[in-house]
Structures are given as structure tokens and as C-alpha cells.
Amino acid sequence: MTLGFVRPARLDDVVEIARIQLTTWRVAYRRLLPRHVLDRLDEEWITRQWREAIAQPPSPAHRVLVAVEQVDPPGSDPEAGPESAYVVGFAASGPADDTALAPDEDHTALDKAFEATAAITDLLVEPRWGRRGHGSRLLAASVDLWRSDGFTTALAWTFADDRVTGRFLESAGWAPDGARRSLDVDDMLIPQLRWHVSLEPDSEVPVTGA
């Protein structure tokens, strides 16, 4: 039997989270980012950043969640625990800050404009574990936590040419809000667009099978 679930990240997940990020970026973004940039990603630095995010989050509303796939062989004893459990993806989010803004937006009005807005900074599932519902579970768990924290809107930036993530967010009720920016990656400008979704109680955020 296979079971997927989401839980808060622990310090012993740090190395696996960093590995998943590197693997996923090098597979999913190989047509979006220069290869030499992907090849030079520093795993030790990324690991340190995730360790800090989990051990010392800036606020209780800053969270890192992991998706876990648990596999029990047929006929196994449920009391004995899972035969195998794998961290297969993760999501990081928190209150929107100035990194959620486009260059042409008023950064001095951040608190007023986004005081009830959450922002996804990362949501990745390792490609070999894709299409098994892990992305949807991570997003649904994040939505539940944002609502409990009192957020009424959520934002996320994606690469403009990342159609897979775009389709996933669209199927979950998100839509582009018109904001755009470009990331300077080793003297190359990579366009991004911003997505948003309402978290109001009467809004529906569907769950997909991604």
C-alpha cells in the first residue's frame, strides 16, 4: 500500500530538501536557465539556508512542509510501521515581503498592500515522484495553514515559460495577477509572472492530482 502525506519539516530533512531542490531545478529548469548556472549551484550553501529556515524561521507563519511517500508491502503488519518512507517534495511559505513585489510596485506601501497576504517561496516535487498528488497535498496543507493564520490572499512567482507549474496553479484555482518581473541570472534576464489566489472562506481552492 502506498500512502502520501504532508508534515512540518524537521532538521533531519535538511539534506534531502537540498538534494531535491538541486535535482528538480536541474531537471525541470534545464531549458529555462543556463546550464552552467545550474551546474554551479552550491549544495552546501543551499543546505545551510534550509537548516536556518527550519531551525530559526523569521516568524511562526514562516513554514517549511515536506511531502512524504510511505510504502508498505502487501500483507505487512500496520503496527510495525512503514517499510519505506521517502521525502519527495517540499513547500516553503510565509508572510509576503518585498520579494513578492514587482519592480514597478510601491515598496513603501508593502504593509498596507500585503498585510493579509501569504507568499510561496518554493514548492517542488522531485520529478520521479511527480503525478502522485504530492504537489496538491503540499498546496492544500499550505492553504489550510494560511487560513488559520488569517491570510486572505496568497501569491507565487513562476518562470513565465514554466508551463508545468503554471498549469498546476491554474488547476488549483490560481490565476496570473498581471505583475511581471525579470531575474538577472548571469547577465541573462529570465521573465517571471506572479499568480494569486483568494483564501476567503467562500472561495474554493480545488485540489488536483499533481
C-alpha atoms as a PDB file:
ATOM      1  CA  MET A   1       0.000   0.000   0.000  1.00  0.00           C
ATOM      2  CA  THR A   2       1.239   3.498  -0.830  1.00  0.00           C
ATOM      3  CA  LEU A   3       0.359   6.479   1.336  1.00  0.00           C
ATOM      4  CA  GLY A   4       1.240  10.123   0.782  1.00  0.00           C
ATOM      5  CA  PHE A   5       1.056  12.801   3.462  1.00  0.00           C
ATOM      6  CA  VAL A   6       2.463  16.196   4.457  1.00  0.00           C
ATOM      7  CA  ARG A   7       4.178  17.153   7.713  1.00  0.00           C
ATOM      8  CA  PRO A   8       6.333  20.016   9.034  1.00  0.00           C
ATOM      9  CA  ALA A   9       9.967  19.751   8.011  1.00  0.00           C
ATOM     10  CA  ARG A  10      12.497  18.642  10.628  1.00  0.00           C
ATOM     11  CA  LEU A  11      16.201  19.330  10.850  1.00  0.00           C
ATOM     12  CA  ASP A  12      16.966  15.789   9.736  1.00  0.00           C
ATOM     13  CA  ASP A  13      15.152  16.587   6.444  1.00  0.00           C
ATOM     14  CA  VAL A  14      17.569  19.381   5.525  1.00  0.00           C
ATOM     15  CA  VAL A  15      19.991  17.353   3.395  1.00  0.00           C
ATOM     16  CA  GLU A  16      17.151  15.688   1.484  1.00  0.00           C
ATOM     17  CA  ILE A  17      15.371  19.008   0.876  1.00  0.00           C
ATOM     18  CA  ALA A  18      18.560  20.489  -0.568  1.00  0.00           C
ATOM     19  CA  ARG A  19      19.095  17.415  -2.753  1.00  0.00           C
ATOM     20  CA  ILE A  20      15.509  17.582  -4.043  1.00  0.00           C
ATOM     21  CA  GLN A  21      15.884  21.273  -4.849  1.00  0.00           C
ATOM     22  CA  LEU A  22      19.092  20.714  -6.809  1.00  0.00           C
ATOM     23  CA  THR A  23      17.739  17.664  -8.646  1.00  0.00           C
ATOM     24  CA  THR A  24      14.440  19.315  -9.524  1.00  0.00           C
ATOM     25  CA  TRP A  25      15.976  22.559 -10.727  1.00  0.00           C
ATOM     26  CA  ARG A  26      18.488  20.702 -12.906  1.00  0.00           C
ATOM     27  CA  VAL A  27      15.731  18.591 -14.480  1.00  0.00           C
ATOM     28  CA  ALA A  28      12.710  20.908 -14.596  1.00  0.00           C
ATOM     29  CA  TYR A  29      14.551  24.159 -15.373  1.00  0.00           C
ATOM     30  CA  ARG A  30      17.229  22.921 -17.743  1.00  0.00           C
ATOM     31  CA  ARG A  31      15.506  24.685 -20.654  1.00  0.00           C
ATOM     32  CA  LEU A  32      14.803  27.847 -18.672  1.00  0.00           C
ATOM     33  CA  LEU A  33      18.148  28.586 -17.016  1.00  0.00           C
ATOM     34  CA  PRO A  34      21.701  28.435 -18.370  1.00  0.00           C
ATOM     35  CA  ARG A  35      23.296  25.047 -17.828  1.00  0.00           C
ATOM     36  CA  HIS A  36      26.443  26.493 -16.292  1.00  0.00           C
ATOM     37  CA  VAL A  37      24.321  28.277 -13.684  1.00  0.00           C
ATOM     38  CA  LEU A  38      22.566  25.039 -12.737  1.00  0.00           C
ATOM     39  CA  ASP A  39      25.879  23.190 -12.650  1.00  0.00           C
ATOM     40  CA  ARG A  40      27.340  25.739 -10.239  1.00  0.00           C
ATOM     41  CA  LEU A  41      24.553  25.605  -7.656  1.00  0.00           C
ATOM     42  CA  ASP A  42      26.185  25.264  -4.243  1.00  0.00           C
ATOM     43  CA  GLU A  43      24.634  22.338  -2.362  1.00  0.00           C
ATOM     44  CA  GLU A  44      26.358  23.210   0.922  1.00  0.00           C
ATOM     45  CA  TRP A  45      25.095  26.793   0.817  1.00  0.00           C
ATOM     46  CA  ILE A  46      21.561  25.645  -0.060  1.00  0.00           C
ATOM     47  CA  THR A  47      21.656  23.138   2.807  1.00  0.00           C
ATOM     48  CA  ARG A  48      22.670  25.866   5.269  1.00  0.00           C
ATOM     49  CA  GLN A  49      19.806  28.086   4.093  1.00  0.00           C
ATOM     50  CA  TRP A  50      17.250  25.329   4.643  1.00  0.00           C
ATOM     51  CA  ARG A  51      18.702  24.491   8.047  1.00  0.00           C
ATOM     52  CA  GLU A  52      18.256  28.107   9.111  1.00  0.00           C
ATOM     53  CA  ALA A  53      14.734  28.296   7.654  1.00  0.00           C
ATOM     54  CA  ILE A  54      13.661  25.248   9.666  1.00  0.00           C
ATOM     55  CA  ALA A  55      15.580  25.917  12.889  1.00  0.00           C
ATOM     56  CA  GLN A  56      15.108  29.692  13.068  1.00  0.00           C
ATOM     57  CA  PRO A  57      12.132  30.854  10.983  1.00  0.00           C
ATOM     58  CA  PRO A  58      11.577  34.644  10.999  1.00  0.00           C
ATOM     59  CA  SER A  59       8.058  34.164  12.400  1.00  0.00           C
ATOM     60  CA  PRO A  60       5.617  31.378  13.307  1.00  0.00           C
ATOM     61  CA  ALA A  61       3.920  31.986   9.947  1.00  0.00           C
ATOM     62  CA  HIS A  62       7.124  31.080   8.061  1.00  0.00           C
ATOM     63  CA  ARG A  63       6.897  27.350   7.449  1.00  0.00           C
ATOM     64  CA  VAL A  64       8.612  24.563   5.576  1.00  0.00           C
ATOM     65  CA  LEU A  65       6.495  21.483   4.853  1.00  0.00           C
ATOM     66  CA  VAL A  66       7.600  18.198   3.322  1.00  0.00           C
ATOM     67  CA  ALA A  67       5.653  15.647   1.296  1.00  0.00           C
ATOM     68  CA  VAL A  68       6.284  12.036   2.259  1.00  0.00           C
ATOM     69  CA  GLU A  69       5.529   8.870   0.323  1.00  0.00           C
ATOM     70  CA  GLN A  70       5.179   5.830   2.560  1.00  0.00           C
ATOM     71  CA  VAL A  71       5.185   2.329   1.108  1.00  0.00           C
ATOM     72  CA  ASP A  72       4.000  -0.755   2.981  1.00  0.00           C
ATOM     73  CA  PRO A  73       4.455  -4.141   1.299  1.00  0.00           C
ATOM     74  CA  PRO A  74       1.302  -6.256   0.805  1.00  0.00           C
ATOM     75  CA  GLY A  75       0.382  -8.206   3.920  1.00  0.00           C
ATOM     76  CA  SER A  76       2.642  -6.190   6.227  1.00  0.00           C
ATOM     77  CA  ASP A  77       1.723  -5.571   9.856  1.00  0.00           C
ATOM     78  CA  PRO A  78       0.336  -1.999  10.217  1.00  0.00           C
ATOM     79  CA  GLU A  79       1.633  -1.906  13.798  1.00  0.00           C
ATOM     80  CA  ALA A  80       5.186  -2.473  12.618  1.00  0.00           C
ATOM     81  CA  GLY A  81       5.398   0.869  10.823  1.00  0.00           C
ATOM     82  CA  PRO A  82       6.133   1.586   7.151  1.00  0.00           C
ATOM     83  CA  GLU A  83       8.647  -0.494   5.264  1.00  0.00           C
ATOM     84  CA  SER A  84       9.906   2.612   3.436  1.00  0.00           C
ATOM     85  CA  ALA A  85       9.204   6.334   3.711  1.00  0.00           C
ATOM     86  CA  TYR A  86      10.668   8.946   1.370  1.00  0.00           C
ATOM     87  CA  VAL A  87      10.682  12.735   1.469  1.00  0.00           C
ATOM     88  CA  VAL A  88       9.659  13.539  -2.103  1.00  0.00           C
ATOM     89  CA  GLY A  89       8.950  17.273  -2.124  1.00  0.00           C
ATOM     90  CA  PHE A  90       8.653  20.404  -0.037  1.00  0.00           C
ATOM     91  CA  ALA A  91       6.945  23.782   0.210  1.00  0.00           C
ATOM     92  CA  ALA A  92       8.132  26.956   1.913  1.00  0.00           C
ATOM     93  CA  SER A  93       5.974  29.997   2.540  1.00  0.00           C
ATOM     94  CA  GLY A  94       5.469  32.950   4.837  1.00  0.00           C
ATOM     95  CA  PRO A  95       4.014  36.448   5.023  1.00  0.00           C
ATOM     96  CA  ALA A  96       4.559  38.400   1.813  1.00  0.00           C
ATOM     97  CA  ASP A  97       7.585  40.702   1.940  1.00  0.00           C
ATOM     98  CA  ASP A  98       9.219  42.994  -0.614  1.00  0.00           C
ATOM     99  CA  THR A  99      10.381  39.994  -2.666  1.00  0.00           C
ATOM    100  CA  ALA A 100       6.700  39.434  -3.516  1.00  0.00           C
ATOM    101  CA  LEU A 101       6.519  42.788  -5.282  1.00  0.00           C
ATOM    102  CA  ALA A 102       7.188  43.640  -8.892  1.00  0.00           C
ATOM    103  CA  PRO A 103       9.792  46.366  -9.595  1.00  0.00           C
ATOM    104  CA  ASP A 104       7.107  48.897 -10.569  1.00  0.00           C
ATOM    105  CA  GLU A 105       5.076  48.422  -7.378  1.00  0.00           C
ATOM    106  CA  ASP A 106       5.323  50.777  -4.405  1.00  0.00           C
ATOM    107  CA  HIS A 107       7.633  49.063  -1.929  1.00  0.00           C
ATOM    108  CA  THR A 108       6.923  51.701   0.713  1.00  0.00           C
ATOM    109  CA  ALA A 109       3.283  50.567   0.816  1.00  0.00           C
ATOM    110  CA  LEU A 110       4.112  46.899   1.412  1.00  0.00           C
ATOM    111  CA  ASP A 111       2.481  46.565   4.843  1.00  0.00           C
ATOM    112  CA  LYS A 112      -0.790  48.112   3.700  1.00  0.00           C
ATOM    113  CA  ALA A 113      -0.920  46.306   0.349  1.00  0.00           C
ATOM    114  CA  PHE A 114       0.002  42.825   1.565  1.00  0.00           C
ATOM    115  CA  GLU A 115      -0.714  42.737   5.299  1.00  0.00           C
ATOM    116  CA  ALA A 116      -3.028  39.713   4.882  1.00  0.00           C
ATOM    117  CA  THR A 117      -1.102  38.018   2.068  1.00  0.00           C
ATOM    118  CA  ALA A 118       0.978  34.844   2.176  1.00  0.00           C
ATOM    119  CA  ALA A 119       3.677  34.072  -0.372  1.00  0.00           C
ATOM    120  CA  ILE A 120       5.085  30.773  -1.601  1.00  0.00           C
ATOM    121  CA  THR A 121       8.841  30.907  -1.957  1.00  0.00           C
ATOM    122  CA  ASP A 122       9.320  27.272  -3.023  1.00  0.00           C
ATOM    123  CA  LEU A 123       7.073  24.356  -3.946  1.00  0.00           C
ATOM    124  CA  LEU A 124       8.907  21.466  -5.566  1.00  0.00           C
ATOM    125  CA  VAL A 125       8.325  17.740  -6.028  1.00  0.00           C
ATOM    126  CA  GLU A 126      11.193  15.621  -7.278  1.00  0.00           C
ATOM    127  CA  PRO A 127      10.350  14.685 -10.895  1.00  0.00           C
ATOM    128  CA  ARG A 128      10.476  10.909 -10.346  1.00  0.00           C
ATOM    129  CA  TRP A 129       7.707  11.292  -7.733  1.00  0.00           C
ATOM    130  CA  GLY A 130       5.522  13.541  -9.882  1.00  0.00           C
ATOM    131  CA  ARG A 131       1.865  12.961 -10.792  1.00  0.00           C
ATOM    132  CA  ARG A 132       1.191  11.196  -7.491  1.00  0.00           C
ATOM    133  CA  GLY A 133      -0.661  14.004  -5.703  1.00  0.00           C
ATOM    134  CA  HIS A 134       2.266  15.298  -3.648  1.00  0.00           C
ATOM    135  CA  GLY A 135       2.174  18.830  -5.057  1.00  0.00           C
ATOM    136  CA  SER A 136      -1.549  19.060  -4.421  1.00  0.00           C
ATOM    137  CA  ARG A 137      -1.165  17.866  -0.837  1.00  0.00           C
ATOM    138  CA  LEU A 138       1.602  20.398  -0.183  1.00  0.00           C
ATOM    139  CA  LEU A 139      -0.509  23.200  -1.611  1.00  0.00           C
ATOM    140  CA  ALA A 140      -3.663  22.131   0.254  1.00  0.00           C
ATOM    141  CA  ALA A 141      -1.777  21.901   3.559  1.00  0.00           C
ATOM    142  CA  SER A 142      -0.295  25.352   2.960  1.00  0.00           C
ATOM    143  CA  VAL A 143      -3.738  26.816   2.229  1.00  0.00           C
ATOM    144  CA  ASP A 144      -5.128  25.393   5.481  1.00  0.00           C
ATOM    145  CA  LEU A 145      -2.255  26.922   7.467  1.00  0.00           C
ATOM    146  CA  TRP A 146      -2.543  30.299   5.715  1.00  0.00           C
ATOM    147  CA  ARG A 147      -6.233  30.451   6.521  1.00  0.00           C
ATOM    148  CA  SER A 148      -5.574  29.568  10.168  1.00  0.00           C
ATOM    149  CA  ASP A 149      -3.030  32.416  10.270  1.00  0.00           C
ATOM    150  CA  GLY A 150      -5.648  34.861   8.972  1.00  0.00           C
ATOM    151  CA  PHE A 151      -4.268  35.363   5.464  1.00  0.00           C
ATOM    152  CA  THR A 152      -6.874  36.198   2.820  1.00  0.00           C
ATOM    153  CA  THR A 153      -4.702  36.048  -0.313  1.00  0.00           C
ATOM    154  CA  ALA A 154      -1.652  34.099  -1.455  1.00  0.00           C
ATOM    155  CA  LEU A 155       0.953  34.894  -4.115  1.00  0.00           C
ATOM    156  CA  ALA A 156       3.551  32.921  -6.018  1.00  0.00           C
ATOM    157  CA  TRP A 157       6.106  33.797  -8.716  1.00  0.00           C
ATOM    158  CA  THR A 158       6.883  31.365 -11.519  1.00  0.00           C
ATOM    159  CA  PHE A 159       9.120  31.469 -14.557  1.00  0.00           C
ATOM    160  CA  ALA A 160       6.988  32.712 -17.436  1.00  0.00           C
ATOM    161  CA  ASP A 161       7.968  29.710 -19.568  1.00  0.00           C
ATOM    162  CA  ASP A 162       7.370  27.165 -16.786  1.00  0.00           C
ATOM    163  CA  ARG A 163       4.106  25.888 -18.205  1.00  0.00           C
ATOM    164  CA  VAL A 164       4.001  22.817 -15.949  1.00  0.00           C
ATOM    165  CA  THR A 165       3.871  24.893 -12.759  1.00  0.00           C
ATOM    166  CA  GLY A 166       1.502  27.342 -14.417  1.00  0.00           C
ATOM    167  CA  ARG A 167      -0.958  24.610 -15.333  1.00  0.00           C
ATOM    168  CA  PHE A 168      -0.705  23.164 -11.819  1.00  0.00           C
ATOM    169  CA  LEU A 169      -1.512  26.511 -10.156  1.00  0.00           C
ATOM    170  CA  GLU A 170      -4.302  27.237 -12.636  1.00  0.00           C
ATOM    171  CA  SER A 171      -5.918  23.859 -11.935  1.00  0.00           C
ATOM    172  CA  ALA A 172      -5.782  24.705  -8.215  1.00  0.00           C
ATOM    173  CA  GLY A 173      -7.722  27.947  -8.681  1.00  0.00           C
ATOM    174  CA  TRP A 174      -4.823  30.381  -9.047  1.00  0.00           C
ATOM    175  CA  ALA A 175      -4.530  32.990 -11.813  1.00  0.00           C
ATOM    176  CA  PRO A 176      -1.907  35.494 -13.019  1.00  0.00           C
ATOM    177  CA  ASP A 177      -2.482  38.922 -11.476  1.00  0.00           C
ATOM    178  CA  GLY A 178      -0.706  40.918 -14.192  1.00  0.00           C
ATOM    179  CA  ALA A 179       2.547  41.574 -12.308  1.00  0.00           C
ATOM    180  CA  ARG A 180       5.776  40.698 -14.117  1.00  0.00           C
ATOM    181  CA  ARG A 181       9.492  40.939 -13.460  1.00  0.00           C
ATOM    182  CA  SER A 182      12.763  39.590 -14.824  1.00  0.00           C
ATOM    183  CA  LEU A 183      15.500  37.862 -12.861  1.00  0.00           C
ATOM    184  CA  ASP A 184      19.066  38.700 -13.794  1.00  0.00           C
ATOM    185  CA  VAL A 185      20.767  35.307 -13.981  1.00  0.00           C
ATOM    186  CA  ASP A 186      24.384  35.651 -15.007  1.00  0.00           C
ATOM    187  CA  ASP A 187      23.561  38.602 -17.310  1.00  0.00           C
ATOM    188  CA  MET A 188      20.502  36.854 -18.731  1.00  0.00           C
ATOM    189  CA  LEU A 189      17.047  38.246 -17.973  1.00  0.00           C
ATOM    190  CA  ILE A 190      14.612  35.415 -17.166  1.00  0.00           C
ATOM    191  CA  PRO A 191      10.962  36.616 -17.193  1.00  0.00           C
ATOM    192  CA  GLN A 192       8.625  35.711 -14.345  1.00  0.00           C
ATOM    193  CA  LEU A 193       4.940  36.266 -13.732  1.00  0.00           C
ATOM    194  CA  ARG A 194       3.006  36.419 -10.484  1.00  0.00           C
ATOM    195  CA  TRP A 195       0.000  34.286  -9.536  1.00  0.00           C
ATOM    196  CA  HIS A 196      -2.577  34.900  -6.842  1.00  0.00           C
ATOM    197  CA  VAL A 197      -5.495  33.131  -5.198  1.00  0.00           C
ATOM    198  CA  SER A 198      -8.185  34.170  -2.721  1.00  0.00           C
ATOM    199  CA  LEU A 199      -8.228  32.366   0.621  1.00  0.00           C
ATOM    200  CA  GLU A 200     -11.578  33.800   1.726  1.00  0.00           C
ATOM    201  CA  PRO A 201     -13.909  31.184   3.313  1.00  0.00           C
ATOM    202  CA  ASP A 202     -16.369  31.353   0.409  1.00  0.00           C
ATOM    203  CA  SER A 203     -13.644  30.773  -2.185  1.00  0.00           C
ATOM    204  CA  GLU A 204     -12.910  27.297  -3.416  1.00  0.00           C
ATOM    205  CA  VAL A 205      -9.323  26.167  -3.912  1.00  0.00           C
ATOM    206  CA  PRO A 206      -9.612  22.852  -5.772  1.00  0.00           C
ATOM    207  CA  VAL A 207      -7.170  20.023  -5.204  1.00  0.00           C
ATOM    208  CA  THR A 208      -5.547  18.463  -8.262  1.00  0.00           C
ATOM    209  CA  GLY A 209      -3.579  15.290  -8.803  1.00  0.00           C
ATOM    210  CA  ALA A 210      -0.166  16.816  -9.464  1.00  0.00           C
END
